[in-house]
C-alpha atoms as a PDB file:
ATOM      1  CA  UNK A   1      36.532  16.834  13.540  1.00  0.00           C
ATOM      2  CA  UNK A   2      33.158  15.400  14.322  1.00  0.00           C
ATOM      3  CA  UNK A   3      30.570  15.795  17.023  1.00  0.00           C
ATOM      4  CA  UNK A   4      29.161  12.950  19.205  1.00  0.00           C
ATOM      5  CA  UNK A   5      26.120  12.345  16.977  1.00  0.00           C
ATOM      6  CA  UNK A   6      28.141  12.115  13.822  1.00  0.00           C
ATOM      7  CA  UNK A   7      30.683   9.694  15.336  1.00  0.00           C
ATOM      8  CA  UNK A   8      27.834   7.469  16.688  1.00  0.00           C
ATOM      9  CA  UNK A   9      26.200   7.416  13.298  1.00  0.00           C
ATOM     10  CA  UNK A  10      29.581   6.375  11.762  1.00  0.00           C
ATOM     11  CA  UNK A  11      30.052   3.718  14.506  1.00  0.00           C
ATOM     12  CA  UNK A  12      26.746   2.151  13.459  1.00  0.00           C
ATOM     13  CA  UNK A  13      28.136   1.724   9.966  1.00  0.00           C
ATOM     14  CA  UNK A  14      30.684  -0.814  11.351  1.00  0.00           C
ATOM     15  CA  UNK A  15      29.656  -4.276  10.289  1.00  0.00           C
ATOM     16  CA  UNK A  16      27.728  -6.048  12.952  1.00  0.00           C
ATOM     17  CA  UNK A  17      27.055  -2.987  15.104  1.00  0.00           C
ATOM     18  CA  UNK A  18      24.022  -3.282  17.282  1.00  0.00           C
ATOM     19  CA  UNK A  19      24.439  -0.144  19.344  1.00  0.00           C
ATOM     20  CA  UNK A  20      26.915   2.546  20.207  1.00  0.00           C
ATOM     21  CA  UNK A  21      27.341   5.158  22.880  1.00  0.00           C
ATOM     22  CA  UNK A  22      29.777   7.714  24.183  1.00  0.00           C
ATOM     23  CA  UNK A  23      29.994   7.531  27.995  1.00  0.00           C
ATOM     24  CA  UNK A  24      31.641   9.538  30.747  1.00  0.00           C
ATOM     25  CA  UNK A  25      33.350   6.914  32.884  1.00  0.00           C
ATOM     26  CA  UNK A  26      33.574   9.174  35.938  1.00  0.00           C
ATOM     27  CA  UNK A  27      29.829   9.722  36.171  1.00  0.00           C
ATOM     28  CA  UNK A  28      28.507   6.751  34.334  1.00  0.00           C
ATOM     29  CA  UNK A  29      26.353   9.013  32.140  1.00  0.00           C
ATOM     30  CA  UNK A  30      25.717   8.464  28.393  1.00  0.00           C
ATOM     31  CA  UNK A  31      26.583  11.628  26.422  1.00  0.00           C
ATOM     32  CA  UNK A  32      24.817  10.058  23.410  1.00  0.00           C
ATOM     33  CA  UNK A  33      23.732   6.662  22.126  1.00  0.00           C
ATOM     34  CA  UNK A  34      22.296   5.157  19.004  1.00  0.00           C
ATOM     35  CA  UNK A  35      20.937   1.737  18.077  1.00  0.00           C
ATOM     36  CA  UNK A  36      19.918  -0.725  20.776  1.00  0.00           C
ATOM     37  CA  UNK A  37      21.502  -1.431  24.106  1.00  0.00           C
ATOM     38  CA  UNK A  38      21.839  -4.815  25.995  1.00  0.00           C
ATOM     39  CA  UNK A  39      18.618  -5.477  27.880  1.00  0.00           C
ATOM     40  CA  UNK A  40      17.141  -2.296  26.061  1.00  0.00           C
ATOM     41  CA  UNK A  41      18.304   0.052  28.842  1.00  0.00           C
ATOM     42  CA  UNK A  42      20.951   2.534  27.522  1.00  0.00           C
ATOM     43  CA  UNK A  43      21.320   4.354  30.889  1.00  0.00           C
ATOM     44  CA  UNK A  44      21.927   1.172  32.831  1.00  0.00           C
ATOM     45  CA  UNK A  45      24.419  -0.067  30.052  1.00  0.00           C
ATOM     46  CA  UNK A  46      26.302   3.260  30.291  1.00  0.00           C
ATOM     47  CA  UNK A  47      26.587   2.961  34.120  1.00  0.00           C
ATOM     48  CA  UNK A  48      27.718  -0.631  33.970  1.00  0.00           C
ATOM     49  CA  UNK A  49      30.317  -0.181  31.192  1.00  0.00           C
ATOM     50  CA  UNK A  50      31.573   2.970  32.966  1.00  0.00           C
ATOM     51  CA  UNK A  51      32.443   0.750  36.060  1.00  0.00           C
ATOM     52  CA  UNK A  52      34.377  -1.569  33.806  1.00  0.00           C
ATOM     53  CA  UNK A  53      36.224   1.234  32.044  1.00  0.00           C
ATOM     54  CA  UNK A  54      37.029   2.950  35.353  1.00  0.00           C
ATOM     55  CA  UNK A  55      38.424  -0.319  36.661  1.00  0.00           C
ATOM     56  CA  UNK A  56      40.582  -0.883  33.672  1.00  0.00           C
ATOM     57  CA  UNK A  57      41.814   2.776  33.508  1.00  0.00           C
ATOM     58  CA  UNK A  58      42.779   2.946  37.141  1.00  0.00           C
ATOM     59  CA  UNK A  59      43.893  -0.529  37.989  1.00  0.00           C
ATOM     60  CA  UNK A  60      47.569  -0.758  38.813  1.00  0.00           C
ATOM     61  CA  UNK A  61      47.913  -4.058  36.984  1.00  0.00           C
ATOM     62  CA  UNK A  62      47.661  -2.233  33.643  1.00  0.00           C
ATOM     63  CA  UNK A  63      50.182   0.493  34.437  1.00  0.00           C
ATOM     64  CA  UNK A  64      53.371   0.030  32.322  1.00  0.00           C
ATOM     65  CA  UNK A  65      56.576  -0.684  34.138  1.00  0.00           C
ATOM     66  CA  UNK A  66      58.464   2.383  32.837  1.00  0.00           C
ATOM     67  CA  UNK A  67      57.841   5.756  31.402  1.00  0.00           C
ATOM     68  CA  UNK A  68      56.185   5.713  27.980  1.00  0.00           C
ATOM     69  CA  UNK A  69      58.397   7.982  25.883  1.00  0.00           C
ATOM     70  CA  UNK A  70      56.479  10.405  23.809  1.00  0.00           C
ATOM     71  CA  UNK A  71      53.137   9.031  24.972  1.00  0.00           C
ATOM     72  CA  UNK A  72      50.100  11.194  24.054  1.00  0.00           C
ATOM     73  CA  UNK A  73      47.209   8.907  25.231  1.00  0.00           C
ATOM     74  CA  UNK A  74      44.025   9.671  27.127  1.00  0.00           C
ATOM     75  CA  UNK A  75      44.288  11.092  30.612  1.00  0.00           C
ATOM     76  CA  UNK A  76      42.285  10.239  33.680  1.00  0.00           C
ATOM     77  CA  UNK A  77      40.499  12.823  35.867  1.00  0.00           C
ATOM     78  CA  UNK A  78      43.708  12.945  37.947  1.00  0.00           C
ATOM     79  CA  UNK A  79      45.651  14.225  34.910  1.00  0.00           C
ATOM     80  CA  UNK A  80      47.658  10.891  34.636  1.00  0.00           C
ATOM     81  CA  UNK A  81      47.852   9.191  31.276  1.00  0.00           C
ATOM     82  CA  UNK A  82      45.715   6.096  30.972  1.00  0.00           C
ATOM     83  CA  UNK A  83      47.573   2.931  30.304  1.00  0.00           C
ATOM     84  CA  UNK A  84      44.686   1.356  28.445  1.00  0.00           C
ATOM     85  CA  UNK A  85      43.501   2.081  24.872  1.00  0.00           C
ATOM     86  CA  UNK A  86      40.470  -0.158  24.779  1.00  0.00           C
ATOM     87  CA  UNK A  87      38.744  -2.890  26.646  1.00  0.00           C
ATOM     88  CA  UNK A  88      37.138  -5.882  24.814  1.00  0.00           C
ATOM     89  CA  UNK A  89      34.518  -8.144  26.410  1.00  0.00           C
ATOM     90  CA  UNK A  90      33.460 -11.195  24.395  1.00  0.00           C
ATOM     91  CA  UNK A  91      30.234 -13.007  25.153  1.00  0.00           C
ATOM     92  CA  UNK A  92      28.800 -15.989  23.408  1.00  0.00           C
ATOM     93  CA  UNK A  93      26.804 -13.809  21.029  1.00  0.00           C
ATOM     94  CA  UNK A  94      28.445 -10.316  21.047  1.00  0.00           C
ATOM     95  CA  UNK A  95      31.556  -8.195  21.344  1.00  0.00           C
ATOM     96  CA  UNK A  96      31.703  -5.161  23.594  1.00  0.00           C
ATOM     97  CA  UNK A  97      34.455  -2.717  22.624  1.00  0.00           C
ATOM     98  CA  UNK A  98      35.236   0.218  24.928  1.00  0.00           C
ATOM     99  CA  UNK A  99      37.589   2.697  23.342  1.00  0.00           C
ATOM    100  CA  UNK A 100      38.992   5.479  25.439  1.00  0.00           C
ATOM    101  CA  UNK A 101      39.023   8.981  23.805  1.00  0.00           C
ATOM    102  CA  UNK A 102      42.412  10.688  23.894  1.00  0.00           C
ATOM    103  CA  UNK A 103      42.389  14.369  24.540  1.00  0.00           C
ATOM    104  CA  UNK A 104      44.870  16.997  25.652  1.00  0.00           C
ATOM    105  CA  UNK A 105      42.803  17.908  28.692  1.00  0.00           C
ATOM    106  CA  UNK A 106      41.504  15.756  31.498  1.00  0.00           C
ATOM    107  CA  UNK A 107      38.904  13.569  29.901  1.00  0.00           C
ATOM    108  CA  UNK A 108      36.964  10.560  31.050  1.00  0.00           C
ATOM    109  CA  UNK A 109      35.074   9.551  27.908  1.00  0.00           C
ATOM    110  CA  UNK A 110      34.963   6.383  26.021  1.00  0.00           C
ATOM    111  CA  UNK A 111      33.080   4.824  23.074  1.00  0.00           C
ATOM    112  CA  UNK A 112      31.085   1.680  23.704  1.00  0.00           C
ATOM    113  CA  UNK A 113      30.379  -0.405  20.578  1.00  0.00           C
ATOM    114  CA  UNK A 114      28.067  -3.391  20.962  1.00  0.00           C
ATOM    115  CA  UNK A 115      28.408  -5.834  18.084  1.00  0.00           C
ATOM    116  CA  UNK A 116      26.921  -9.082  16.946  1.00  0.00           C
ATOM    117  CA  UNK A 117      29.629 -11.733  17.162  1.00  0.00           C
ATOM    118  CA  UNK A 118      28.670 -13.504  13.966  1.00  0.00           C
ATOM    119  CA  UNK A 119      28.365 -10.367  11.872  1.00  0.00           C
ATOM    120  CA  UNK A 120      31.098  -8.232  13.404  1.00  0.00           C
ATOM    121  CA  UNK A 121      34.875  -7.990  12.717  1.00  0.00           C
ATOM    122  CA  UNK A 122      36.618  -7.167  15.902  1.00  0.00           C
ATOM    123  CA  UNK A 123      39.824  -5.933  14.222  1.00  0.00           C
ATOM    124  CA  UNK A 124      37.960  -3.609  11.879  1.00  0.00           C
ATOM    125  CA  UNK A 125      35.887  -2.339  14.813  1.00  0.00           C
ATOM    126  CA  UNK A 126      38.983  -1.461  16.849  1.00  0.00           C
ATOM    127  CA  UNK A 127      40.553   0.468  13.882  1.00  0.00           C
ATOM    128  CA  UNK A 128      37.353   2.339  13.078  1.00  0.00           C
ATOM    129  CA  UNK A 129      36.710   3.262  16.770  1.00  0.00           C
ATOM    130  CA  UNK A 130      40.329   4.453  17.096  1.00  0.00           C
ATOM    131  CA  UNK A 131      39.731   6.760  14.051  1.00  0.00           C
ATOM    132  CA  UNK A 132      36.453   7.971  15.516  1.00  0.00           C
ATOM    133  CA  UNK A 133      37.963   8.631  18.850  1.00  0.00           C
ATOM    134  CA  UNK A 134      40.691  10.755  17.222  1.00  0.00           C
ATOM    135  CA  UNK A 135      38.113  12.788  15.274  1.00  0.00           C
ATOM    136  CA  UNK A 136      35.540  13.236  18.156  1.00  0.00           C
ATOM    137  CA  UNK A 137      35.155  16.827  19.294  1.00  0.00           C
ATOM    138  CA  UNK A 138      33.795  17.336  22.793  1.00  0.00           C
ATOM    139  CA  UNK A 139      32.222  20.530  23.963  1.00  0.00           C
END
């Protein structure tokens, strides 16, 4: 189990990482950040990515058709399981990966990893963020 700072430090070890943060998508507040942020404003980046995460987590288009047997994923502030594991946004120069943190209690936290597109490996980043999200201890 690891705290926010330790997980963020490990996220920055992912090839191509430019910046990382842990964000509460309900409030849009950053719980911690490291490295740089797009446009050099980590607070604005947290608020903007929280909007994207909230939309993906709560949009009916992403809800599975039937019950997910044995699902143990992240839950929304309403206590319902989130249908989304992560969100990936690709720009001409970067990848933005938002990975929801799975907990046994109502949680609205995600990792945001900002990566250089030429240096980063999207598949590797997704795997490492999944592992970090599983190890993250909040509180």
